[in-house]
Amino acid sequence: MTEFFKQLKDLGEGFLESLQHKTKLSTIFDIYLEKVIPSFVSEKELKEYYERRMEEVTNFIDKL
């Protein structure tokens, strides 16, 4: 029984560590999206790109 609790504790610690790592990556990615990309791509180009991508996603979902 103690082995089970030890494994459960290890699993929880691993999950927490993974969650913290993903949060850091998400924050870095958000900063990249908000600061870096707009510095070399115009807002109009971004809007056109995302509209095109959303249309592709919608078409893909419709085909399913």
PDB file of N, CA and C in Angstrom:
ATOM      1  N   MET A   1       0.828  -1.190   0.000  1.00  0.00           N
ATOM      2  CA  MET A   1       0.000   0.000   0.000  1.00  0.00           C
ATOM      3  C   MET A   1       0.873   1.255   0.000  1.00  0.00           C
ATOM      4  N   THR A   2       1.960   1.256   0.741  1.00  0.00           N
ATOM      5  CA  THR A   2       2.832   2.431   0.772  1.00  0.00           C
ATOM      6  C   THR A   2       3.497   2.655  -0.577  1.00  0.00           C
ATOM      7  N   GLU A   3       3.764   1.549  -1.282  1.00  0.00           N
ATOM      8  CA  GLU A   3       4.351   1.664  -2.624  1.00  0.00           C
ATOM      9  C   GLU A   3       3.380   2.385  -3.567  1.00  0.00           C
ATOM     10  N   PHE A   4       2.092   2.078  -3.445  1.00  0.00           N
ATOM     11  CA  PHE A   4       1.063   2.727  -4.253  1.00  0.00           C
ATOM     12  C   PHE A   4       1.042   4.234  -3.992  1.00  0.00           C
ATOM     13  N   PHE A   5       1.078   4.623  -2.733  1.00  0.00           N
ATOM     14  CA  PHE A   5       1.074   6.042  -2.386  1.00  0.00           C
ATOM     15  C   PHE A   5       2.345   6.744  -2.875  1.00  0.00           C
ATOM     16  N   LYS A   6       3.465   6.026  -2.814  1.00  0.00           N
ATOM     17  CA  LYS A   6       4.720   6.592  -3.305  1.00  0.00           C
ATOM     18  C   LYS A   6       4.632   6.833  -4.809  1.00  0.00           C
ATOM     19  N   GLN A   7       4.077   5.858  -5.542  1.00  0.00           N
ATOM     20  CA  GLN A   7       3.920   6.016  -6.984  1.00  0.00           C
ATOM     21  C   GLN A   7       2.950   7.152  -7.308  1.00  0.00           C
ATOM     22  N   LEU A   8       1.890   7.255  -6.545  1.00  0.00           N
ATOM     23  CA  LEU A   8       0.912   8.326  -6.737  1.00  0.00           C
ATOM     24  C   LEU A   8       1.557   9.688  -6.490  1.00  0.00           C
ATOM     25  N   LYS A   9       2.376   9.803  -5.452  1.00  0.00           N
ATOM     26  CA  LYS A   9       3.080  11.048  -5.149  1.00  0.00           C
ATOM     27  C   LYS A   9       4.053  11.398  -6.273  1.00  0.00           C
ATOM     28  N   ASP A  10       4.808  10.400  -6.752  1.00  0.00           N
ATOM     29  CA  ASP A  10       5.747  10.629  -7.855  1.00  0.00           C
ATOM     30  C   ASP A  10       5.017  11.071  -9.121  1.00  0.00           C
ATOM     31  N   LEU A  11       3.883  10.459  -9.383  1.00  0.00           N
ATOM     32  CA  LEU A  11       3.079  10.830 -10.542  1.00  0.00           C
ATOM     33  C   LEU A  11       2.601  12.280 -10.427  1.00  0.00           C
ATOM     34  N   GLY A  12       2.143  12.654  -9.260  1.00  0.00           N
ATOM     35  CA  GLY A  12       1.686  14.025  -9.029  1.00  0.00           C
ATOM     36  C   GLY A  12       2.812  15.028  -9.190  1.00  0.00           C
ATOM     37  N   GLU A  13       3.993  14.701  -8.686  1.00  0.00           N
ATOM     38  CA  GLU A  13       5.142  15.599  -8.822  1.00  0.00           C
ATOM     39  C   GLU A  13       5.546  15.732 -10.289  1.00  0.00           C
ATOM     40  N   GLY A  14       5.514  14.617 -11.018  1.00  0.00           N
ATOM     41  CA  GLY A  14       5.838  14.653 -12.446  1.00  0.00           C
ATOM     42  C   GLY A  14       4.847  15.494 -13.218  1.00  0.00           C
ATOM     43  N   PHE A  15       3.571  15.351 -12.877  1.00  0.00           N
ATOM     44  CA  PHE A  15       2.526  16.139 -13.520  1.00  0.00           C
ATOM     45  C   PHE A  15       2.712  17.623 -13.244  1.00  0.00           C
ATOM     46  N   LEU A  16       2.999  17.976 -12.001  1.00  0.00           N
ATOM     47  CA  LEU A  16       3.203  19.370 -11.631  1.00  0.00           C
ATOM     48  C   LEU A  16       4.409  19.955 -12.354  1.00  0.00           C
ATOM     49  N   GLU A  17       5.488  19.197 -12.431  1.00  0.00           N
ATOM     50  CA  GLU A  17       6.689  19.660 -13.124  1.00  0.00           C
ATOM     51  C   GLU A  17       6.393  19.880 -14.611  1.00  0.00           C
ATOM     52  N   SER A  18       5.669  18.960 -15.209  1.00  0.00           N
ATOM     53  CA  SER A  18       5.294  19.077 -16.624  1.00  0.00           C
ATOM     54  C   SER A  18       4.413  20.304 -16.845  1.00  0.00           C
ATOM     55  N   LEU A  19       3.479  20.529 -15.952  1.00  0.00           N
ATOM     56  CA  LEU A  19       2.580  21.676 -16.056  1.00  0.00           C
ATOM     57  C   LEU A  19       3.349  22.991 -15.948  1.00  0.00           C
ATOM     58  N   GLN A  20       4.302  23.065 -15.034  1.00  0.00           N
ATOM     59  CA  GLN A  20       5.120  24.269 -14.888  1.00  0.00           C
ATOM     60  C   GLN A  20       5.945  24.514 -16.143  1.00  0.00           C
ATOM     61  N   HIS A  21       6.505  23.466 -16.727  1.00  0.00           N
ATOM     62  CA  HIS A  21       7.306  23.584 -17.941  1.00  0.00           C
ATOM     63  C   HIS A  21       6.442  24.087 -19.100  1.00  0.00           C
ATOM     64  N   LYS A  22       5.235  23.521 -19.242  1.00  0.00           N
ATOM     65  CA  LYS A  22       4.331  23.943 -20.316  1.00  0.00           C
ATOM     66  C   LYS A  22       3.912  25.397 -20.120  1.00  0.00           C
ATOM     67  N   THR A  23       3.715  25.821 -18.885  1.00  0.00           N
ATOM     68  CA  THR A  23       3.341  27.201 -18.609  1.00  0.00           C
ATOM     69  C   THR A  23       4.450  28.144 -19.038  1.00  0.00           C
ATOM     70  N   LYS A  24       5.698  27.791 -18.743  1.00  0.00           N
ATOM     71  CA  LYS A  24       6.828  28.616 -19.159  1.00  0.00           C
ATOM     72  C   LYS A  24       6.899  28.699 -20.672  1.00  0.00           C
ATOM     73  N   LEU A  25       6.734  27.572 -21.355  1.00  0.00           N
ATOM     74  CA  LEU A  25       6.767  27.567 -22.813  1.00  0.00           C
ATOM     75  C   LEU A  25       5.634  28.404 -23.384  1.00  0.00           C
ATOM     76  N   SER A  26       4.462  28.286 -22.777  1.00  0.00           N
ATOM     77  CA  SER A  26       3.314  29.060 -23.236  1.00  0.00           C
ATOM     78  C   SER A  26       3.593  30.554 -23.095  1.00  0.00           C
ATOM     79  N   THR A  27       4.180  30.957 -21.987  1.00  0.00           N
ATOM     80  CA  THR A  27       4.489  32.360 -21.755  1.00  0.00           C
ATOM     81  C   THR A  27       5.506  32.862 -22.778  1.00  0.00           C
ATOM     82  N   ILE A  28       6.530  32.075 -23.043  1.00  0.00           N
ATOM     83  CA  ILE A  28       7.535  32.463 -24.035  1.00  0.00           C
ATOM     84  C   ILE A  28       6.882  32.575 -25.406  1.00  0.00           C
ATOM     85  N   PHE A  29       6.014  31.623 -25.746  1.00  0.00           N
ATOM     86  CA  PHE A  29       5.327  31.642 -27.034  1.00  0.00           C
ATOM     87  C   PHE A  29       4.420  32.862 -27.145  1.00  0.00           C
ATOM     88  N   ASP A  30       3.693  33.185 -26.069  1.00  0.00           N
ATOM     89  CA  ASP A  30       2.821  34.367 -26.076  1.00  0.00           C
ATOM     90  C   ASP A  30       3.624  35.640 -26.295  1.00  0.00           C
ATOM     91  N   ILE A  31       4.754  35.754 -25.625  1.00  0.00           N
ATOM     92  CA  ILE A  31       5.611  36.933 -25.808  1.00  0.00           C
ATOM     93  C   ILE A  31       6.087  37.009 -27.255  1.00  0.00           C
ATOM     94  N   TYR A  32       6.474  35.872 -27.801  1.00  0.00           N
ATOM     95  CA  TYR A  32       6.920  35.817 -29.199  1.00  0.00           C
ATOM     96  C   TYR A  32       5.801  36.288 -30.129  1.00  0.00           C
ATOM     97  N   LEU A  33       4.578  35.799 -29.899  1.00  0.00           N
ATOM     98  CA  LEU A  33       3.457  36.187 -30.757  1.00  0.00           C
ATOM     99  C   LEU A  33       3.126  37.670 -30.631  1.00  0.00           C
ATOM    100  N   GLU A  34       3.209  38.190 -29.434  1.00  0.00           N
ATOM    101  CA  GLU A  34       2.802  39.570 -29.193  1.00  0.00           C
ATOM    102  C   GLU A  34       3.877  40.593 -29.550  1.00  0.00           C
ATOM    103  N   LYS A  35       5.143  40.228 -29.418  1.00  0.00           N
ATOM    104  CA  LYS A  35       6.221  41.211 -29.590  1.00  0.00           C
ATOM    105  C   LYS A  35       7.038  41.010 -30.856  1.00  0.00           C
ATOM    106  N   VAL A  36       7.450  39.793 -31.119  1.00  0.00           N
ATOM    107  CA  VAL A  36       8.401  39.548 -32.205  1.00  0.00           C
ATOM    108  C   VAL A  36       7.716  39.534 -33.569  1.00  0.00           C
ATOM    109  N   ILE A  37       6.681  38.749 -33.720  1.00  0.00           N
ATOM    110  CA  ILE A  37       6.038  38.630 -35.029  1.00  0.00           C
ATOM    111  C   ILE A  37       5.533  39.978 -35.545  1.00  0.00           C
ATOM    112  N   PRO A  38       4.813  40.768 -34.743  1.00  0.00           N
ATOM    113  CA  PRO A  38       4.333  42.048 -35.263  1.00  0.00           C
ATOM    114  C   PRO A  38       5.452  43.009 -35.674  1.00  0.00           C
ATOM    115  N   SER A  39       6.664  42.792 -35.201  1.00  0.00           N
ATOM    116  CA  SER A  39       7.754  43.698 -35.554  1.00  0.00           C
ATOM    117  C   SER A  39       8.209  43.522 -37.006  1.00  0.00           C
ATOM    118  N   PHE A  40       7.938  42.364 -37.619  1.00  0.00           N
ATOM    119  CA  PHE A  40       8.363  42.189 -39.004  1.00  0.00           C
ATOM    120  C   PHE A  40       7.241  41.749 -39.945  1.00  0.00           C
ATOM    121  N   VAL A  41       6.016  41.613 -39.443  1.00  0.00           N
ATOM    122  CA  VAL A  41       4.869  41.256 -40.282  1.00  0.00           C
ATOM    123  C   VAL A  41       3.772  42.271 -40.009  1.00  0.00           C
ATOM    124  N   SER A  42       3.193  42.794 -41.079  1.00  0.00           N
ATOM    125  CA  SER A  42       2.146  43.804 -40.885  1.00  0.00           C
ATOM    126  C   SER A  42       0.865  43.157 -40.351  1.00  0.00           C
ATOM    127  N   GLU A  43       0.058  43.960 -39.719  1.00  0.00           N
ATOM    128  CA  GLU A  43      -1.189  43.476 -39.146  1.00  0.00           C
ATOM    129  C   GLU A  43      -2.120  42.963 -40.244  1.00  0.00           C
ATOM    130  N   LYS A  44      -2.101  43.621 -41.377  1.00  0.00           N
ATOM    131  CA  LYS A  44      -2.945  43.210 -42.503  1.00  0.00           C
ATOM    132  C   LYS A  44      -2.543  41.811 -42.986  1.00  0.00           C
ATOM    133  N   GLU A  45      -1.243  41.561 -43.112  1.00  0.00           N
ATOM    134  CA  GLU A  45      -0.763  40.246 -43.545  1.00  0.00           C
ATOM    135  C   GLU A  45      -1.135  39.168 -42.534  1.00  0.00           C
ATOM    136  N   LEU A  46      -1.010  39.491 -41.250  1.00  0.00           N
ATOM    137  CA  LEU A  46      -1.385  38.526 -40.215  1.00  0.00           C
ATOM    138  C   LEU A  46      -2.870  38.195 -40.287  1.00  0.00           C
ATOM    139  N   LYS A  47      -3.680  39.230 -40.464  1.00  0.00           N
ATOM    140  CA  LYS A  47      -5.123  39.029 -40.544  1.00  0.00           C
ATOM    141  C   LYS A  47      -5.468  38.146 -41.735  1.00  0.00           C
ATOM    142  N   GLU A  48      -4.868  38.401 -42.889  1.00  0.00           N
ATOM    143  CA  GLU A  48      -5.125  37.592 -44.078  1.00  0.00           C
ATOM    144  C   GLU A  48      -4.677  36.146 -43.854  1.00  0.00           C
ATOM    145  N   TYR A  49      -3.528  35.979 -43.224  1.00  0.00           N
ATOM    146  CA  TYR A  49      -3.010  34.639 -42.956  1.00  0.00           C
ATOM    147  C   TYR A  49      -3.960  33.859 -42.049  1.00  0.00           C
ATOM    148  N   TYR A  50      -4.386  34.496 -40.946  1.00  0.00           N
ATOM    149  CA  TYR A  50      -5.260  33.800 -40.013  1.00  0.00           C
ATOM    150  C   TYR A  50      -6.634  33.536 -40.607  1.00  0.00           C
ATOM    151  N   GLU A  51      -7.131  34.421 -41.447  1.00  0.00           N
ATOM    152  CA  GLU A  51      -8.406  34.174 -42.120  1.00  0.00           C
ATOM    153  C   GLU A  51      -8.282  32.966 -43.059  1.00  0.00           C
ATOM    154  N   ARG A  52      -7.174  32.896 -43.767  1.00  0.00           N
ATOM    155  CA  ARG A  52      -6.930  31.771 -44.674  1.00  0.00           C
ATOM    156  C   ARG A  52      -6.814  30.462 -43.886  1.00  0.00           C
ATOM    157  N   ARG A  53      -6.078  30.506 -42.782  1.00  0.00           N
ATOM    158  CA  ARG A  53      -5.912  29.299 -41.953  1.00  0.00           C
ATOM    159  C   ARG A  53      -7.247  28.857 -41.349  1.00  0.00           C
ATOM    160  N   MET A  54      -8.056  29.797 -40.894  1.00  0.00           N
ATOM    161  CA  MET A  54      -9.360  29.452 -40.316  1.00  0.00           C
ATOM    162  C   MET A  54     -10.266  28.835 -41.382  1.00  0.00           C
ATOM    163  N   GLU A  55     -10.176  29.334 -42.594  1.00  0.00           N
ATOM    164  CA  GLU A  55     -10.951  28.765 -43.692  1.00  0.00           C
ATOM    165  C   GLU A  55     -10.501  27.324 -43.960  1.00  0.00           C
ATOM    166  N   GLU A  56      -9.196  27.079 -43.930  1.00  0.00           N
ATOM    167  CA  GLU A  56      -8.676  25.724 -44.117  1.00  0.00           C
ATOM    168  C   GLU A  56      -9.149  24.797 -43.007  1.00  0.00           C
ATOM    169  N   VAL A  57      -9.131  25.275 -41.768  1.00  0.00           N
ATOM    170  CA  VAL A  57      -9.580  24.472 -40.640  1.00  0.00           C
ATOM    171  C   VAL A  57     -11.076  24.162 -40.782  1.00  0.00           C
ATOM    172  N   THR A  58     -11.851  25.147 -41.155  1.00  0.00           N
ATOM    173  CA  THR A  58     -13.293  24.948 -41.334  1.00  0.00           C
ATOM    174  C   THR A  58     -13.550  23.923 -42.426  1.00  0.00           C
ATOM    175  N   ASN A  59     -12.842  24.032 -43.539  1.00  0.00           N
ATOM    176  CA  ASN A  59     -13.000  23.066 -44.631  1.00  0.00           C
ATOM    177  C   ASN A  59     -12.627  21.664 -44.167  1.00  0.00           C
ATOM    178  N   PHE A  60     -11.550  21.550 -43.408  1.00  0.00           N
ATOM    179  CA  PHE A  60     -11.109  20.257 -42.892  1.00  0.00           C
ATOM    180  C   PHE A  60     -12.178  19.647 -41.995  1.00  0.00           C
ATOM    181  N   ILE A  61     -12.745  20.455 -41.106  1.00  0.00           N
ATOM    182  CA  ILE A  61     -13.786  19.973 -40.196  1.00  0.00           C
ATOM    183  C   ILE A  61     -15.023  19.552 -40.980  1.00  0.00           C
ATOM    184  N   ASP A  62     -15.386  20.322 -41.997  1.00  0.00           N
ATOM    185  CA  ASP A  62     -16.551  19.973 -42.818  1.00  0.00           C
ATOM    186  C   ASP A  62     -16.355  18.644 -43.531  1.00  0.00           C
ATOM    187  N   LYS A  63     -15.113  18.351 -43.940  1.00  0.00           N
ATOM    188  CA  LYS A  63     -14.837  17.089 -44.634  1.00  0.00           C
ATOM    189  C   LYS A  63     -14.946  15.888 -43.708  1.00  0.00           C
ATOM    190  N   LEU A  64     -14.741  16.113 -42.419  1.00  0.00           N
ATOM    191  CA  LEU A  64     -14.845  15.013 -41.460  1.00  0.00           C
ATOM    192  C   LEU A  64     -16.288  14.623 -41.333  1.00  0.00           C
TER     193      LEU A  64
END
